[in-house]
Amino acid sequence: MKITILGKGNMGQAIGKNLAMGNEVEYFGSHDVVSNFGDLVVLAVPYPALAKIADQYHQELAGKVVVDITNPLNFDTWDELMVPADSSAAQELQKLLPESKVLKAFNTTFAGTLTSGKVGTTPTTVLVAGDDAAAKEKLFTALAASPLQVLDAGKLKRAREMEAMAFLQMTLAAGEKISWNGGFGVNK
């Protein structure tokens, strides 16, 4: 499967490492122009970049599975999420890309746990929320050869809880209460 990752930072590289096991992965940075997206597109960018990407590539992303990994944390205050309380970054992105199949994934993991495949001694679990079963299956298939566990977290509206969980995890790490190589683990 051809996969496009927008974002060349730590998260983009860590996600790409896992997706490259059995798939063709290409990376694009913020100043690159993408002319041909893969079937699966991972937006490994900061939350504020989503609206610009949706505006710029609305037509090119139609019919694609688009994976939002963002956490809409207010990085000025580290004290709130920047989306309405009854929504999420992924739900807002789905409104901007109505012809795409938006999934929420990878936002509850740190780059270190994606790279190592472990949270402590527990395998890293990628939670996936979305409204399209075939889109979820495409991501599950793309990750099948990786050491990561993948767990269906439900409909796209569950992205709200995933972002809240990630917010807590990030503030704990920023406060040096947990490691950036640790975090929450899921035992299946």
N, C-alpha and C. Protein backbone atom coordinates (compact mmCIF):
# COMPACT_ATOMS: atom_id res chain seq x y z
N MET A 1 0.85 -1.17 0.00
CA MET A 1 0.00 0.00 0.00
C MET A 1 0.89 1.24 0.00
N LYS A 2 0.49 2.23 -0.75
CA LYS A 2 1.22 3.49 -0.78
C LYS A 2 0.66 4.41 0.31
N ILE A 3 1.57 4.91 1.16
CA ILE A 3 1.18 5.75 2.29
C ILE A 3 1.94 7.06 2.21
N THR A 4 1.23 8.15 2.41
CA THR A 4 1.84 9.48 2.43
C THR A 4 1.79 10.00 3.85
N ILE A 5 2.93 10.48 4.34
CA ILE A 5 3.00 11.11 5.66
C ILE A 5 3.38 12.57 5.47
N LEU A 6 2.49 13.46 5.91
CA LEU A 6 2.80 14.89 5.93
C LEU A 6 3.38 15.18 7.31
N GLY A 7 4.66 15.45 7.35
CA GLY A 7 5.36 15.71 8.60
C GLY A 7 6.57 14.81 8.71
N LYS A 8 7.73 15.43 8.86
CA LYS A 8 8.99 14.69 8.92
C LYS A 8 9.60 14.70 10.32
N GLY A 9 8.82 15.11 11.32
CA GLY A 9 9.34 15.18 12.69
C GLY A 9 9.36 13.83 13.37
N ASN A 10 9.57 13.85 14.69
CA ASN A 10 9.69 12.62 15.46
C ASN A 10 8.49 11.70 15.29
N MET A 11 7.28 12.25 15.38
CA MET A 11 6.09 11.42 15.25
C MET A 11 5.95 10.88 13.83
N GLY A 12 6.14 11.71 12.84
CA GLY A 12 6.06 11.24 11.46
C GLY A 12 7.04 10.11 11.18
N GLN A 13 8.27 10.25 11.67
CA GLN A 13 9.29 9.23 11.46
C GLN A 13 8.95 7.94 12.21
N ALA A 14 8.46 8.08 13.45
CA ALA A 14 8.12 6.89 14.25
C ALA A 14 6.94 6.14 13.65
N ILE A 15 5.94 6.87 13.21
CA ILE A 15 4.78 6.24 12.57
C ILE A 15 5.23 5.59 11.27
N GLY A 16 6.01 6.31 10.48
CA GLY A 16 6.49 5.80 9.20
C GLY A 16 7.31 4.53 9.35
N LYS A 17 8.11 4.45 10.40
CA LYS A 17 8.92 3.24 10.66
C LYS A 17 8.01 2.03 10.77
N ASN A 18 6.90 2.18 11.46
CA ASN A 18 5.98 1.06 11.63
C ASN A 18 5.17 0.78 10.37
N LEU A 19 4.80 1.81 9.65
CA LEU A 19 4.04 1.62 8.42
C LEU A 19 4.90 1.10 7.27
N ALA A 20 6.21 1.34 7.32
CA ALA A 20 7.11 0.91 6.25
C ALA A 20 7.30 -0.61 6.22
N MET A 21 6.83 -1.28 7.24
CA MET A 21 6.93 -2.74 7.28
C MET A 21 5.85 -3.33 6.38
N GLY A 22 6.20 -3.48 5.09
CA GLY A 22 5.26 -4.05 4.13
C GLY A 22 4.52 -3.03 3.28
N ASN A 23 4.83 -1.75 3.43
CA ASN A 23 4.16 -0.71 2.66
C ASN A 23 5.20 0.25 2.09
N GLU A 24 4.79 1.03 1.10
CA GLU A 24 5.62 2.07 0.53
C GLU A 24 5.24 3.39 1.20
N VAL A 25 6.20 3.99 1.91
CA VAL A 25 5.93 5.21 2.66
C VAL A 25 6.75 6.36 2.09
N GLU A 26 6.07 7.48 1.85
CA GLU A 26 6.78 8.69 1.42
C GLU A 26 6.43 9.83 2.38
N TYR A 27 7.43 10.67 2.64
CA TYR A 27 7.30 11.77 3.59
C TYR A 27 7.36 13.10 2.86
N PHE A 28 6.56 14.05 3.36
CA PHE A 28 6.61 15.41 2.84
C PHE A 28 6.65 16.38 4.01
N GLY A 29 7.47 17.42 3.88
CA GLY A 29 7.57 18.45 4.90
C GLY A 29 6.57 19.57 4.65
N SER A 30 6.57 20.54 5.53
CA SER A 30 5.58 21.63 5.48
C SER A 30 5.74 22.52 4.25
N HIS A 31 6.91 22.56 3.66
CA HIS A 31 7.12 23.42 2.49
C HIS A 31 7.06 22.64 1.18
N ASP A 32 6.87 21.33 1.26
CA ASP A 32 6.77 20.51 0.05
C ASP A 32 5.37 20.61 -0.53
N VAL A 33 5.28 20.46 -1.84
CA VAL A 33 3.99 20.40 -2.50
C VAL A 33 3.76 18.94 -2.91
N VAL A 34 2.62 18.40 -2.50
CA VAL A 34 2.31 17.01 -2.80
C VAL A 34 1.40 16.96 -4.02
N SER A 35 1.80 16.19 -5.01
CA SER A 35 0.98 16.09 -6.21
C SER A 35 0.24 14.76 -6.32
N ASN A 36 0.71 13.76 -5.58
CA ASN A 36 0.09 12.43 -5.68
C ASN A 36 0.10 11.77 -4.30
N PHE A 37 -1.05 11.76 -3.64
CA PHE A 37 -1.16 11.16 -2.31
C PHE A 37 -1.37 9.66 -2.41
N GLY A 38 -0.89 8.93 -1.39
CA GLY A 38 -1.17 7.52 -1.29
C GLY A 38 -2.62 7.28 -0.89
N ASP A 39 -2.99 6.02 -0.78
CA ASP A 39 -4.35 5.67 -0.37
C ASP A 39 -4.60 6.01 1.09
N LEU A 40 -3.55 6.00 1.87
CA LEU A 40 -3.59 6.31 3.30
C LEU A 40 -2.70 7.53 3.51
N VAL A 41 -3.25 8.57 4.14
CA VAL A 41 -2.51 9.82 4.35
C VAL A 41 -2.48 10.11 5.85
N VAL A 42 -1.28 10.22 6.41
CA VAL A 42 -1.11 10.50 7.83
C VAL A 42 -0.70 11.96 7.99
N LEU A 43 -1.49 12.70 8.77
CA LEU A 43 -1.18 14.10 9.04
C LEU A 43 -0.42 14.19 10.36
N ALA A 44 0.90 14.08 10.28
CA ALA A 44 1.79 14.14 11.45
C ALA A 44 2.29 15.57 11.59
N VAL A 45 1.35 16.47 11.83
CA VAL A 45 1.61 17.90 11.87
C VAL A 45 0.99 18.47 13.15
N PRO A 46 1.36 19.68 13.55
CA PRO A 46 0.69 20.31 14.69
C PRO A 46 -0.76 20.63 14.35
N TYR A 47 -1.61 20.64 15.35
CA TYR A 47 -3.04 20.89 15.16
C TYR A 47 -3.34 22.13 14.31
N PRO A 48 -2.68 23.27 14.53
CA PRO A 48 -3.03 24.46 13.73
C PRO A 48 -2.83 24.29 12.22
N ALA A 49 -2.04 23.30 11.80
CA ALA A 49 -1.78 23.09 10.37
C ALA A 49 -2.93 22.37 9.66
N LEU A 50 -3.85 21.75 10.40
CA LEU A 50 -4.91 20.95 9.77
C LEU A 50 -5.78 21.76 8.82
N ALA A 51 -6.20 22.94 9.25
CA ALA A 51 -7.10 23.76 8.41
C ALA A 51 -6.42 24.14 7.10
N LYS A 52 -5.16 24.51 7.15
CA LYS A 52 -4.43 24.89 5.94
C LYS A 52 -4.30 23.70 4.99
N ILE A 53 -3.98 22.53 5.54
CA ILE A 53 -3.84 21.33 4.71
C ILE A 53 -5.18 20.97 4.08
N ALA A 54 -6.25 21.03 4.87
CA ALA A 54 -7.59 20.72 4.34
C ALA A 54 -7.97 21.69 3.23
N ASP A 55 -7.64 22.95 3.39
CA ASP A 55 -7.96 23.95 2.37
C ASP A 55 -7.13 23.72 1.11
N GLN A 56 -5.84 23.48 1.29
CA GLN A 56 -4.92 23.33 0.16
C GLN A 56 -5.16 22.04 -0.63
N TYR A 57 -5.49 20.95 0.06
CA TYR A 57 -5.57 19.63 -0.59
C TYR A 57 -6.97 19.01 -0.55
N HIS A 58 -7.98 19.81 -0.38
CA HIS A 58 -9.36 19.31 -0.27
C HIS A 58 -9.69 18.31 -1.37
N GLN A 59 -9.46 18.68 -2.62
CA GLN A 59 -9.80 17.81 -3.75
C GLN A 59 -8.91 16.57 -3.81
N GLU A 60 -7.62 16.75 -3.57
CA GLU A 60 -6.67 15.63 -3.66
C GLU A 60 -6.92 14.58 -2.57
N LEU A 61 -7.49 15.00 -1.44
CA LEU A 61 -7.75 14.07 -0.32
C LEU A 61 -9.13 13.43 -0.38
N ALA A 62 -9.96 13.84 -1.34
CA ALA A 62 -11.29 13.24 -1.50
C ALA A 62 -11.14 11.75 -1.77
N GLY A 63 -11.89 10.95 -1.02
CA GLY A 63 -11.85 9.50 -1.17
C GLY A 63 -10.70 8.82 -0.46
N LYS A 64 -9.78 9.58 0.11
CA LYS A 64 -8.62 9.01 0.82
C LYS A 64 -8.94 8.76 2.30
N VAL A 65 -8.21 7.83 2.88
CA VAL A 65 -8.24 7.65 4.33
C VAL A 65 -7.22 8.64 4.90
N VAL A 66 -7.68 9.56 5.73
CA VAL A 66 -6.84 10.60 6.30
C VAL A 66 -6.75 10.36 7.81
N VAL A 67 -5.53 10.16 8.31
CA VAL A 67 -5.31 9.88 9.72
C VAL A 67 -4.81 11.14 10.42
N ASP A 68 -5.62 11.61 11.37
CA ASP A 68 -5.27 12.78 12.18
C ASP A 68 -4.60 12.29 13.46
N ILE A 69 -3.36 12.73 13.68
CA ILE A 69 -2.64 12.33 14.90
C ILE A 69 -2.55 13.48 15.90
N THR A 70 -3.15 14.62 15.57
CA THR A 70 -2.92 15.83 16.36
C THR A 70 -3.58 15.79 17.73
N ASN A 71 -3.02 16.57 18.61
CA ASN A 71 -3.63 16.87 19.91
C ASN A 71 -3.79 18.38 19.97
N PRO A 72 -5.04 18.85 20.05
CA PRO A 72 -5.29 20.29 19.97
C PRO A 72 -5.03 21.02 21.29
N LEU A 73 -3.86 20.77 21.84
CA LEU A 73 -3.46 21.38 23.11
C LEU A 73 -3.05 22.83 22.89
N ASN A 74 -3.47 23.69 23.78
CA ASN A 74 -3.01 25.08 23.75
C ASN A 74 -1.59 25.08 24.31
N PHE A 75 -0.60 25.16 23.42
CA PHE A 75 0.79 25.07 23.85
C PHE A 75 1.30 26.34 24.50
N ASP A 76 0.51 27.41 24.46
CA ASP A 76 0.88 28.63 25.18
C ASP A 76 0.63 28.47 26.68
N THR A 77 -0.48 27.82 27.02
CA THR A 77 -0.85 27.67 28.44
C THR A 77 -0.67 26.26 28.98
N TRP A 78 -0.66 25.26 28.12
CA TRP A 78 -0.64 23.85 28.51
C TRP A 78 -1.79 23.55 29.48
N ASP A 79 -2.91 24.25 29.30
CA ASP A 79 -3.99 24.12 30.28
C ASP A 79 -5.36 23.89 29.64
N GLU A 80 -5.43 23.71 28.32
CA GLU A 80 -6.73 23.49 27.71
C GLU A 80 -6.58 22.94 26.30
N LEU A 81 -7.66 22.31 25.84
CA LEU A 81 -7.74 21.88 24.46
C LEU A 81 -8.39 23.00 23.66
N MET A 82 -8.04 23.13 22.39
CA MET A 82 -8.47 24.26 21.58
C MET A 82 -9.66 23.93 20.67
N VAL A 83 -10.43 22.92 21.01
CA VAL A 83 -11.62 22.57 20.23
C VAL A 83 -12.83 22.65 21.15
N PRO A 84 -14.03 22.77 20.59
CA PRO A 84 -15.22 22.79 21.44
C PRO A 84 -15.29 21.54 22.32
N ALA A 85 -15.85 21.68 23.50
CA ALA A 85 -15.91 20.58 24.47
C ALA A 85 -16.66 19.37 23.94
N ASP A 86 -17.57 19.56 23.00
CA ASP A 86 -18.34 18.44 22.46
C ASP A 86 -17.80 17.96 21.11
N SER A 87 -16.54 18.29 20.80
CA SER A 87 -15.95 17.92 19.52
C SER A 87 -14.50 17.49 19.71
N SER A 88 -13.79 17.35 18.62
CA SER A 88 -12.37 16.98 18.64
C SER A 88 -11.71 17.53 17.39
N ALA A 89 -10.39 17.50 17.37
CA ALA A 89 -9.66 17.92 16.17
C ALA A 89 -10.06 17.06 14.98
N ALA A 90 -10.21 15.75 15.21
CA ALA A 90 -10.57 14.84 14.12
C ALA A 90 -11.97 15.12 13.58
N GLN A 91 -12.92 15.41 14.47
CA GLN A 91 -14.27 15.73 14.02
C GLN A 91 -14.29 17.05 13.24
N GLU A 92 -13.51 18.02 13.70
CA GLU A 92 -13.41 19.29 12.99
C GLU A 92 -12.77 19.09 11.61
N LEU A 93 -11.77 18.22 11.54
CA LEU A 93 -11.12 17.92 10.26
C LEU A 93 -12.10 17.22 9.31
N GLN A 94 -12.92 16.31 9.84
CA GLN A 94 -13.90 15.62 9.00
C GLN A 94 -14.88 16.62 8.38
N LYS A 95 -15.23 17.67 9.13
CA LYS A 95 -16.10 18.72 8.57
C LYS A 95 -15.41 19.46 7.43
N LEU A 96 -14.10 19.65 7.55
CA LEU A 96 -13.34 20.34 6.51
C LEU A 96 -13.08 19.45 5.29
N LEU A 97 -13.08 18.13 5.52
CA LEU A 97 -12.82 17.16 4.45
C LEU A 97 -13.99 16.16 4.36
N PRO A 98 -15.18 16.62 3.99
CA PRO A 98 -16.35 15.73 4.02
C PRO A 98 -16.26 14.55 3.06
N GLU A 99 -15.42 14.64 2.04
CA GLU A 99 -15.30 13.56 1.06
C GLU A 99 -14.15 12.60 1.40
N SER A 100 -13.47 12.84 2.52
CA SER A 100 -12.41 11.95 2.98
C SER A 100 -12.94 11.10 4.12
N LYS A 101 -12.20 10.05 4.43
CA LYS A 101 -12.54 9.17 5.55
C LYS A 101 -11.53 9.43 6.66
N VAL A 102 -11.90 10.27 7.61
CA VAL A 102 -10.97 10.70 8.65
C VAL A 102 -10.96 9.68 9.80
N LEU A 103 -9.75 9.33 10.22
CA LEU A 103 -9.53 8.49 11.39
C LEU A 103 -8.71 9.28 12.40
N LYS A 104 -8.89 8.97 13.67
CA LYS A 104 -8.02 9.49 14.73
C LYS A 104 -7.16 8.33 15.19
N ALA A 105 -5.85 8.51 15.20
CA ALA A 105 -4.94 7.45 15.65
C ALA A 105 -3.59 8.06 16.00
N PHE A 106 -2.79 7.34 16.73
CA PHE A 106 -1.42 7.68 17.11
C PHE A 106 -1.31 8.84 18.09
N ASN A 107 -2.38 9.53 18.42
CA ASN A 107 -2.27 10.70 19.28
C ASN A 107 -2.10 10.33 20.75
N THR A 108 -2.39 9.10 21.13
CA THR A 108 -2.25 8.70 22.53
C THR A 108 -0.93 7.97 22.78
N THR A 109 -0.03 8.04 21.81
CA THR A 109 1.29 7.42 21.95
C THR A 109 2.37 8.49 21.75
N PHE A 110 3.50 8.28 22.36
CA PHE A 110 4.64 9.16 22.14
C PHE A 110 5.53 8.54 21.07
N ALA A 111 6.36 9.34 20.43
CA ALA A 111 7.26 8.85 19.39
C ALA A 111 8.16 7.74 19.93
N GLY A 112 8.64 7.88 21.16
CA GLY A 112 9.51 6.86 21.75
C GLY A 112 8.84 5.51 21.87
N THR A 113 7.56 5.50 22.24
CA THR A 113 6.87 4.21 22.38
C THR A 113 6.50 3.62 21.02
N LEU A 114 6.31 4.47 20.02
CA LEU A 114 6.08 3.96 18.67
C LEU A 114 7.36 3.36 18.11
N THR A 115 8.49 3.98 18.41
CA THR A 115 9.78 3.49 17.92
C THR A 115 10.17 2.18 18.59
N SER A 116 10.01 2.11 19.92
CA SER A 116 10.39 0.90 20.65
C SER A 116 9.34 -0.20 20.56
N GLY A 117 8.09 0.19 20.30
CA GLY A 117 7.00 -0.80 20.27
C GLY A 117 6.53 -1.19 21.65
N LYS A 118 7.01 -0.47 22.68
CA LYS A 118 6.68 -0.83 24.07
C LYS A 118 6.40 0.42 24.90
N VAL A 119 5.49 0.26 25.85
CA VAL A 119 5.29 1.21 26.94
C VAL A 119 5.69 0.43 28.19
N GLY A 120 6.91 0.65 28.65
CA GLY A 120 7.45 -0.20 29.71
C GLY A 120 7.63 -1.60 29.14
N THR A 121 6.92 -2.57 29.70
CA THR A 121 6.98 -3.94 29.18
C THR A 121 5.72 -4.31 28.40
N THR A 122 4.81 -3.36 28.26
CA THR A 122 3.56 -3.59 27.55
C THR A 122 3.70 -3.16 26.09
N PRO A 123 3.23 -3.97 25.15
CA PRO A 123 3.28 -3.54 23.75
C PRO A 123 2.53 -2.22 23.55
N THR A 124 3.06 -1.36 22.71
CA THR A 124 2.40 -0.09 22.40
C THR A 124 1.10 -0.38 21.65
N THR A 125 0.03 0.27 22.11
CA THR A 125 -1.27 0.11 21.47
C THR A 125 -1.67 1.41 20.80
N VAL A 126 -2.05 1.31 19.53
CA VAL A 126 -2.55 2.45 18.77
C VAL A 126 -4.07 2.36 18.79
N LEU A 127 -4.72 3.34 19.41
CA LEU A 127 -6.17 3.43 19.41
C LEU A 127 -6.61 4.09 18.11
N VAL A 128 -7.68 3.57 17.50
CA VAL A 128 -8.17 4.10 16.23
C VAL A 128 -9.66 4.37 16.35
N ALA A 129 -10.05 5.61 16.09
CA ALA A 129 -11.47 5.98 16.07
C ALA A 129 -11.83 6.47 14.67
N GLY A 130 -13.01 6.10 14.23
CA GLY A 130 -13.48 6.54 12.92
C GLY A 130 -14.84 5.97 12.60
N ASP A 131 -15.52 6.59 11.66
CA ASP A 131 -16.87 6.18 11.29
C ASP A 131 -16.92 5.19 10.14
N ASP A 132 -15.81 4.98 9.44
CA ASP A 132 -15.79 4.12 8.27
C ASP A 132 -15.01 2.84 8.57
N ALA A 133 -15.71 1.71 8.59
CA ALA A 133 -15.08 0.42 8.93
C ALA A 133 -13.98 0.04 7.93
N ALA A 134 -14.20 0.29 6.65
CA ALA A 134 -13.19 -0.05 5.64
C ALA A 134 -11.93 0.80 5.81
N ALA A 135 -12.09 2.05 6.20
CA ALA A 135 -10.94 2.93 6.44
C ALA A 135 -10.13 2.41 7.62
N LYS A 136 -10.82 2.01 8.69
CA LYS A 136 -10.12 1.45 9.85
C LYS A 136 -9.36 0.18 9.45
N GLU A 137 -10.01 -0.66 8.68
CA GLU A 137 -9.38 -1.91 8.26
C GLU A 137 -8.13 -1.63 7.43
N LYS A 138 -8.15 -0.58 6.64
CA LYS A 138 -6.98 -0.21 5.84
C LYS A 138 -5.80 0.14 6.76
N LEU A 139 -6.06 0.89 7.82
CA LEU A 139 -4.99 1.24 8.76
C LEU A 139 -4.53 0.00 9.53
N PHE A 140 -5.47 -0.85 9.96
CA PHE A 140 -5.11 -2.09 10.66
C PHE A 140 -4.20 -2.94 9.77
N THR A 141 -4.55 -3.06 8.49
CA THR A 141 -3.76 -3.84 7.54
C THR A 141 -2.38 -3.23 7.35
N ALA A 142 -2.32 -1.91 7.24
CA ALA A 142 -1.03 -1.23 7.05
C ALA A 142 -0.09 -1.45 8.22
N LEU A 143 -0.63 -1.64 9.42
CA LEU A 143 0.19 -1.84 10.62
C LEU A 143 0.39 -3.31 10.99
N ALA A 144 -0.17 -4.22 10.22
CA ALA A 144 -0.15 -5.65 10.57
C ALA A 144 1.25 -6.22 10.78
N ALA A 145 2.24 -5.76 10.01
CA ALA A 145 3.60 -6.30 10.13
C ALA A 145 4.42 -5.61 11.23
N SER A 146 3.87 -4.56 11.82
CA SER A 146 4.60 -3.82 12.87
C SER A 146 4.41 -4.53 14.22
N PRO A 147 5.22 -4.16 15.21
CA PRO A 147 5.06 -4.75 16.55
C PRO A 147 3.92 -4.11 17.36
N LEU A 148 3.25 -3.12 16.78
CA LEU A 148 2.22 -2.40 17.51
C LEU A 148 0.92 -3.18 17.59
N GLN A 149 0.23 -3.05 18.71
CA GLN A 149 -1.14 -3.54 18.81
C GLN A 149 -2.03 -2.42 18.30
N VAL A 150 -3.12 -2.78 17.65
CA VAL A 150 -4.07 -1.79 17.14
C VAL A 150 -5.43 -2.14 17.70
N LEU A 151 -6.12 -1.15 18.24
CA LEU A 151 -7.39 -1.39 18.91
C LEU A 151 -8.44 -0.41 18.39
N ASP A 152 -9.58 -0.93 17.96
CA ASP A 152 -10.68 -0.11 17.48
C ASP A 152 -11.31 0.58 18.68
N ALA A 153 -11.25 1.91 18.72
CA ALA A 153 -11.78 2.69 19.85
C ALA A 153 -13.20 3.16 19.60
N GLY A 154 -13.79 2.80 18.46
CA GLY A 154 -15.17 3.18 18.20
C GLY A 154 -15.30 4.25 17.13
N LYS A 155 -16.44 4.90 17.16
CA LYS A 155 -16.78 5.95 16.18
C LYS A 155 -15.84 7.15 16.32
N LEU A 156 -15.88 8.04 15.32
CA LEU A 156 -15.02 9.21 15.33
C LEU A 156 -15.28 10.10 16.54
N LYS A 157 -16.49 10.10 17.07
CA LYS A 157 -16.76 10.92 18.26
C LYS A 157 -15.94 10.48 19.47
N ARG A 158 -15.37 9.28 19.47
CA ARG A 158 -14.48 8.84 20.55
C ARG A 158 -13.14 9.56 20.50
N ALA A 159 -12.85 10.25 19.40
CA ALA A 159 -11.61 11.03 19.31
C ALA A 159 -11.55 12.08 20.41
N ARG A 160 -12.70 12.56 20.84
CA ARG A 160 -12.75 13.55 21.92
C ARG A 160 -12.09 12.99 23.18
N GLU A 161 -12.45 11.77 23.55
CA GLU A 161 -11.85 11.15 24.75
C GLU A 161 -10.38 10.81 24.52
N MET A 162 -10.05 10.39 23.31
CA MET A 162 -8.64 10.10 23.00
C MET A 162 -7.79 11.35 23.14
N GLU A 163 -8.30 12.49 22.68
CA GLU A 163 -7.55 13.74 22.80
C GLU A 163 -7.44 14.19 24.25
N ALA A 164 -8.48 13.96 25.05
CA ALA A 164 -8.41 14.29 26.48
C ALA A 164 -7.38 13.41 27.18
N MET A 165 -7.37 12.12 26.83
CA MET A 165 -6.39 11.19 27.41
C MET A 165 -4.97 11.61 27.05
N ALA A 166 -4.77 11.97 25.79
CA ALA A 166 -3.45 12.41 25.34
C ALA A 166 -3.03 13.70 26.03
N PHE A 167 -3.98 14.60 26.21
CA PHE A 167 -3.73 15.86 26.92
C PHE A 167 -3.21 15.58 28.32
N LEU A 168 -3.86 14.68 29.03
CA LEU A 168 -3.40 14.32 30.38
C LEU A 168 -2.01 13.70 30.33
N GLN A 169 -1.80 12.78 29.41
CA GLN A 169 -0.51 12.12 29.28
C GLN A 169 0.61 13.12 28.98
N MET A 170 0.34 14.06 28.07
CA MET A 170 1.34 15.07 27.71
C MET A 170 1.66 15.99 28.89
N THR A 171 0.64 16.40 29.64
CA THR A 171 0.91 17.28 30.78
C THR A 171 1.66 16.54 31.88
N LEU A 172 1.40 15.25 32.03
CA LEU A 172 2.17 14.46 33.00
C LEU A 172 3.64 14.38 32.59
N ALA A 173 3.88 14.17 31.30
CA ALA A 173 5.26 14.09 30.81
C ALA A 173 5.95 15.44 30.91
N ALA A 174 5.24 16.51 30.53
CA ALA A 174 5.83 17.84 30.62
C ALA A 174 6.16 18.21 32.07
N GLY A 175 5.36 17.70 33.01
CA GLY A 175 5.60 17.93 34.43
C GLY A 175 6.58 16.95 35.05
N GLU A 176 7.21 16.13 34.19
CA GLU A 176 8.22 15.14 34.58
C GLU A 176 7.68 14.13 35.60
N LYS A 177 6.38 13.81 35.49
CA LYS A 177 5.78 12.78 36.34
C LYS A 177 5.80 11.42 35.67
N ILE A 178 5.89 11.43 34.34
CA ILE A 178 6.13 10.22 33.56
C ILE A 178 7.14 10.58 32.48
N SER A 179 7.69 9.55 31.87
CA SER A 179 8.70 9.75 30.83
C SER A 179 8.05 9.98 29.47
N TRP A 180 8.73 10.74 28.60
CA TRP A 180 8.29 10.90 27.22
C TRP A 180 8.46 9.59 26.45
N ASN A 181 9.15 8.64 27.02
CA ASN A 181 9.27 7.30 26.44
C ASN A 181 8.32 6.31 27.09
N GLY A 182 7.45 6.81 27.95
CA GLY A 182 6.48 5.97 28.65
C GLY A 182 5.09 6.34 28.24
N GLY A 183 4.22 6.39 29.22
CA GLY A 183 2.83 6.76 28.94
C GLY A 183 1.87 5.66 29.31
N PHE A 184 0.65 5.80 28.80
CA PHE A 184 -0.40 4.84 29.11
C PHE A 184 -0.27 3.61 28.21
N GLY A 185 -0.44 2.44 28.81
CA GLY A 185 -0.41 1.20 28.06
C GLY A 185 -1.75 0.51 28.17
N VAL A 186 -2.04 -0.37 27.20
CA VAL A 186 -3.29 -1.11 27.18
C VAL A 186 -2.95 -2.59 27.14
N ASN A 187 -3.45 -3.33 28.09
CA ASN A 187 -3.31 -4.78 28.06
C ASN A 187 -4.59 -5.37 27.50
N LYS A 188 -4.45 -6.13 26.45
CA LYS A 188 -5.62 -6.73 25.82
C LYS A 188 -5.91 -8.10 26.41
